[in-house]
C-alpha atoms as a PDB file:
ATOM      1  CA  GLN A   1     106.853 112.357  86.209  1.00  0.00           C
ATOM      2  CA  VAL A   2     106.010 109.317  88.078  1.00  0.00           C
ATOM      3  CA  LEU A   3     102.797 106.966  87.997  1.00  0.00           C
ATOM      4  CA  LEU A   4     102.356 105.319  90.790  1.00  0.00           C
ATOM      5  CA  VAL A   5      99.854 101.996  90.513  1.00  0.00           C
ATOM      6  CA  GLU A   6      98.760  99.818  93.259  1.00  0.00           C
ATOM      7  CA  SER A   7      97.131  96.405  93.760  1.00  0.00           C
ATOM      8  CA  GLY A   8      96.473  93.756  96.622  1.00  0.00           C
ATOM      9  CA  GLY A   9      93.768  95.506  98.733  1.00  0.00           C
ATOM     10  CA  GLY A  10      90.847  93.138  99.461  1.00  0.00           C
ATOM     11  CA  LEU A  11      89.285  91.639 102.679  1.00  0.00           C
ATOM     12  CA  VAL A  12      90.423  89.220 105.386  1.00  0.00           C
ATOM     13  CA  GLN A  13      89.336  88.531 108.893  1.00  0.00           C
ATOM     14  CA  ALA A  14      91.246  89.636 111.672  1.00  0.00           C
ATOM     15  CA  GLY A  15      94.711  88.040 112.794  1.00  0.00           C
ATOM     16  CA  GLY A  16      95.131  87.402 108.523  1.00  0.00           C
ATOM     17  CA  SER A  17      97.763  88.682 106.137  1.00  0.00           C
ATOM     18  CA  LEU A  18      97.560  90.367 102.737  1.00  0.00           C
ATOM     19  CA  ARG A  19     100.381  92.444 100.800  1.00  0.00           C
ATOM     20  CA  VAL A  20      99.920  95.521  98.789  1.00  0.00           C
ATOM     21  CA  SER A  21     102.174  96.160  95.670  1.00  0.00           C
ATOM     22  CA  CYS A  22     102.971  99.306  94.485  1.00  0.00           C
ATOM     23  CA  ALA A  23     104.520  99.650  90.604  1.00  0.00           C
ATOM     24  CA  ALA A  24     106.598 102.700  89.662  1.00  0.00           C
ATOM     25  CA  SER A  25     106.958 103.564  85.937  1.00  0.00           C
ATOM     26  CA  GLY A  26     108.405 106.907  84.846  1.00  0.00           C
ATOM     27  CA  SER A  27     110.965 109.076  86.548  1.00  0.00           C
ATOM     28  CA  ILE A  28     112.125 106.140  89.252  1.00  0.00           C
ATOM     29  CA  LEU A  29     115.400 107.396  89.063  1.00  0.00           C
ATOM     30  CA  SER A  30     114.452 109.892  90.316  1.00  0.00           C
ATOM     31  CA  ILE A  31     112.414 108.927  93.929  1.00  0.00           C
ATOM     32  CA  VAL A  32     114.211 109.185  96.975  1.00  0.00           C
ATOM     33  CA  ALA A  33     111.783 107.819  99.318  1.00  0.00           C
ATOM     34  CA  THR A  34     108.413 105.644  98.531  1.00  0.00           C
ATOM     35  CA  GLY A  35     105.718 105.244 100.910  1.00  0.00           C
ATOM     36  CA  TRP A  36     102.037 104.076 102.356  1.00  0.00           C
ATOM     37  CA  TYR A  37      99.594 105.708 103.887  1.00  0.00           C
ATOM     38  CA  ARG A  38      96.292 105.026 104.819  1.00  0.00           C
ATOM     39  CA  GLN A  39      93.170 106.815 104.984  1.00  0.00           C
ATOM     40  CA  ALA A  40      89.853 105.511 106.869  1.00  0.00           C
ATOM     41  CA  PRO A  41      86.903 106.990 106.620  1.00  0.00           C
ATOM     42  CA  GLY A  42      85.726 110.183 108.889  1.00  0.00           C
ATOM     43  CA  LYS A  43      89.965 110.702 110.139  1.00  0.00           C
ATOM     44  CA  GLN A  44      93.004 111.606 108.318  1.00  0.00           C
ATOM     45  CA  ARG A  45      95.395 110.431 105.794  1.00  0.00           C
ATOM     46  CA  GLU A  46      98.265 109.071 107.921  1.00  0.00           C
ATOM     47  CA  LEU A  47     101.971 107.325 107.156  1.00  0.00           C
ATOM     48  CA  VAL A  48     101.897 103.859 107.584  1.00  0.00           C
ATOM     49  CA  ALA A  49     105.838 102.942 106.785  1.00  0.00           C
ATOM     50  CA  GLN A  50     108.120 104.168 104.293  1.00  0.00           C
ATOM     51  CA  ILE A  51     111.405 103.525 102.795  1.00  0.00           C
ATOM     52  CA  THR A  52     114.186 105.772 101.651  1.00  0.00           C
ATOM     53  CA  SER A  53     116.045 105.043  98.568  1.00  0.00           C
ATOM     54  CA  GLY A  54     119.158 103.629 100.405  1.00  0.00           C
ATOM     55  CA  GLY A  55     116.610 100.763 102.360  1.00  0.00           C
ATOM     56  CA  ASP A  56     116.361 103.303 105.140  1.00  0.00           C
ATOM     57  CA  THR A  57     113.201 101.915 106.712  1.00  0.00           C
ATOM     58  CA  ASN A  58     110.656 103.811 109.283  1.00  0.00           C
ATOM     59  CA  TYR A  59     106.886 102.924 110.431  1.00  0.00           C
ATOM     60  CA  ALA A  60     103.722 104.205 112.651  1.00  0.00           C
ATOM     61  CA  ASP A  61     104.014 102.947 116.327  1.00  0.00           C
ATOM     62  CA  SER A  62     100.789 101.372 115.349  1.00  0.00           C
ATOM     63  CA  VAL A  63     101.963  98.863 112.735  1.00  0.00           C
ATOM     64  CA  LYS A  64     105.779  98.306 114.108  1.00  0.00           C
ATOM     65  CA  GLY A  65     106.307  94.519 114.334  1.00  0.00           C
ATOM     66  CA  ARG A  66     103.138  93.707 112.214  1.00  0.00           C
ATOM     67  CA  PHE A  67     103.860  95.373 108.501  1.00  0.00           C
ATOM     68  CA  THR A  68     107.502  94.926 106.773  1.00  0.00           C
ATOM     69  CA  ILE A  69     107.427  97.412 103.852  1.00  0.00           C
ATOM     70  CA  SER A  70     110.193  96.364 101.066  1.00  0.00           C
ATOM     71  CA  ARG A  71     110.832  96.473  98.078  1.00  0.00           C
ATOM     72  CA  ASP A  72     112.313  95.204  93.817  1.00  0.00           C
ATOM     73  CA  ASN A  73     114.706  97.699  92.566  1.00  0.00           C
ATOM     74  CA  ALA A  74     114.326  94.852  89.281  1.00  0.00           C
ATOM     75  CA  LYS A  75     110.497  94.851  89.422  1.00  0.00           C
ATOM     76  CA  ASN A  76     110.806  98.843  90.716  1.00  0.00           C
ATOM     77  CA  THR A  77     107.985  97.410  92.959  1.00  0.00           C
ATOM     78  CA  VAL A  78     107.444  98.652  96.999  1.00  0.00           C
ATOM     79  CA  TYR A  79     105.633  95.947  98.542  1.00  0.00           C
ATOM     80  CA  LEU A  80     103.291  96.467 102.300  1.00  0.00           C
ATOM     81  CA  GLN A  81     103.742  92.924 103.847  1.00  0.00           C
ATOM     82  CA  MET A  82     100.950  93.362 106.885  1.00  0.00           C
ATOM     83  CA  ASN A  83     100.186  90.974 109.527  1.00  0.00           C
ATOM     84  CA  SER A  84      97.718  90.154 112.613  1.00  0.00           C
ATOM     85  CA  LEU A  85      95.380  92.224 110.362  1.00  0.00           C
ATOM     86  CA  LYS A  86      92.730  94.550 112.910  1.00  0.00           C
ATOM     87  CA  PRO A  87      90.228  95.858 111.475  1.00  0.00           C
ATOM     88  CA  GLU A  88      91.575  99.479 112.565  1.00  0.00           C
ATOM     89  CA  ASP A  89      93.521  98.454 109.670  1.00  0.00           C
ATOM     90  CA  THR A  90      90.401  98.804 108.199  1.00  0.00           C
ATOM     91  CA  ALA A  91      91.418 102.248 104.844  1.00  0.00           C
ATOM     92  CA  ILE A  92      92.149 102.911 101.662  1.00  0.00           C
ATOM     93  CA  TYR A  93      96.125 101.443 101.618  1.00  0.00           C
ATOM     94  CA  TYR A  94      97.618 104.499  98.833  1.00  0.00           C
ATOM     95  CA  CYS A  95     101.718 104.382  97.549  1.00  0.00           C
ATOM     96  CA  ASN A  96     103.775 107.689  97.549  1.00  0.00           C
ATOM     97  CA  ALA A  97     106.855 108.544  95.802  1.00  0.00           C
ATOM     98  CA  SER A  98     108.478 111.383  97.037  1.00  0.00           C
ATOM     99  CA  THR A  99     111.413 113.087  94.473  1.00  0.00           C
ATOM    100  CA  GLY A 100     112.571 116.128  97.337  1.00  0.00           C
ATOM    101  CA  ARG A 101     111.536 118.312  95.039  1.00  0.00           C
ATOM    102  CA  PHE A 102     107.643 116.351  93.876  1.00  0.00           C
ATOM    103  CA  TYR A 103     105.333 113.878  95.685  1.00  0.00           C
ATOM    104  CA  TYR A 104     103.412 111.648  93.511  1.00  0.00           C
ATOM    105  CA  TRP A 105     100.061 109.636  94.286  1.00  0.00           C
ATOM    106  CA  GLY A 106      98.452 106.173  93.434  1.00  0.00           C
ATOM    107  CA  LEU A 107      94.222 106.125  93.076  1.00  0.00           C
ATOM    108  CA  GLY A 108      94.853 103.797  96.402  1.00  0.00           C
ATOM    109  CA  THR A 109      93.715  99.640  97.362  1.00  0.00           C
ATOM    110  CA  GLN A 110      91.167  99.392  99.929  1.00  0.00           C
ATOM    111  CA  VAL A 111      92.284  97.042 102.533  1.00  0.00           C
ATOM    112  CA  THR A 112      88.842  95.622 104.856  1.00  0.00           C
ATOM    113  CA  VAL A 113      89.500  94.003 107.683  1.00  0.00           C
ATOM    114  CA  ASP A 114      86.439  92.304 109.265  1.00  0.00           C
ATOM    115  CA  SER A 115      85.827  91.082 112.717  1.00  0.00           C
END
């Protein structure tokens, strides 16, 4: 079992920056990949960025060059640094952890970008 708790969301002006965090606890050694997803009203949940246990990363085309995913193993925390934010980045951001067999989700944190 893995417990994920997101934090750091909020309201920011377009062009601004925000960092969201995902703190993991429980069977964290079983995690093979951690990702950030987002879901805007009326839209499907989509992958934003992912980092594997080996440190490989991948990003949605819409955020490449603006968002950076990273992790602090000592704190069992994965971060998503979001720069040059746009109104279309407004969504609930969810943390996801995969063990290869199971997927775990956090409750999400709201990010609102005001134009």
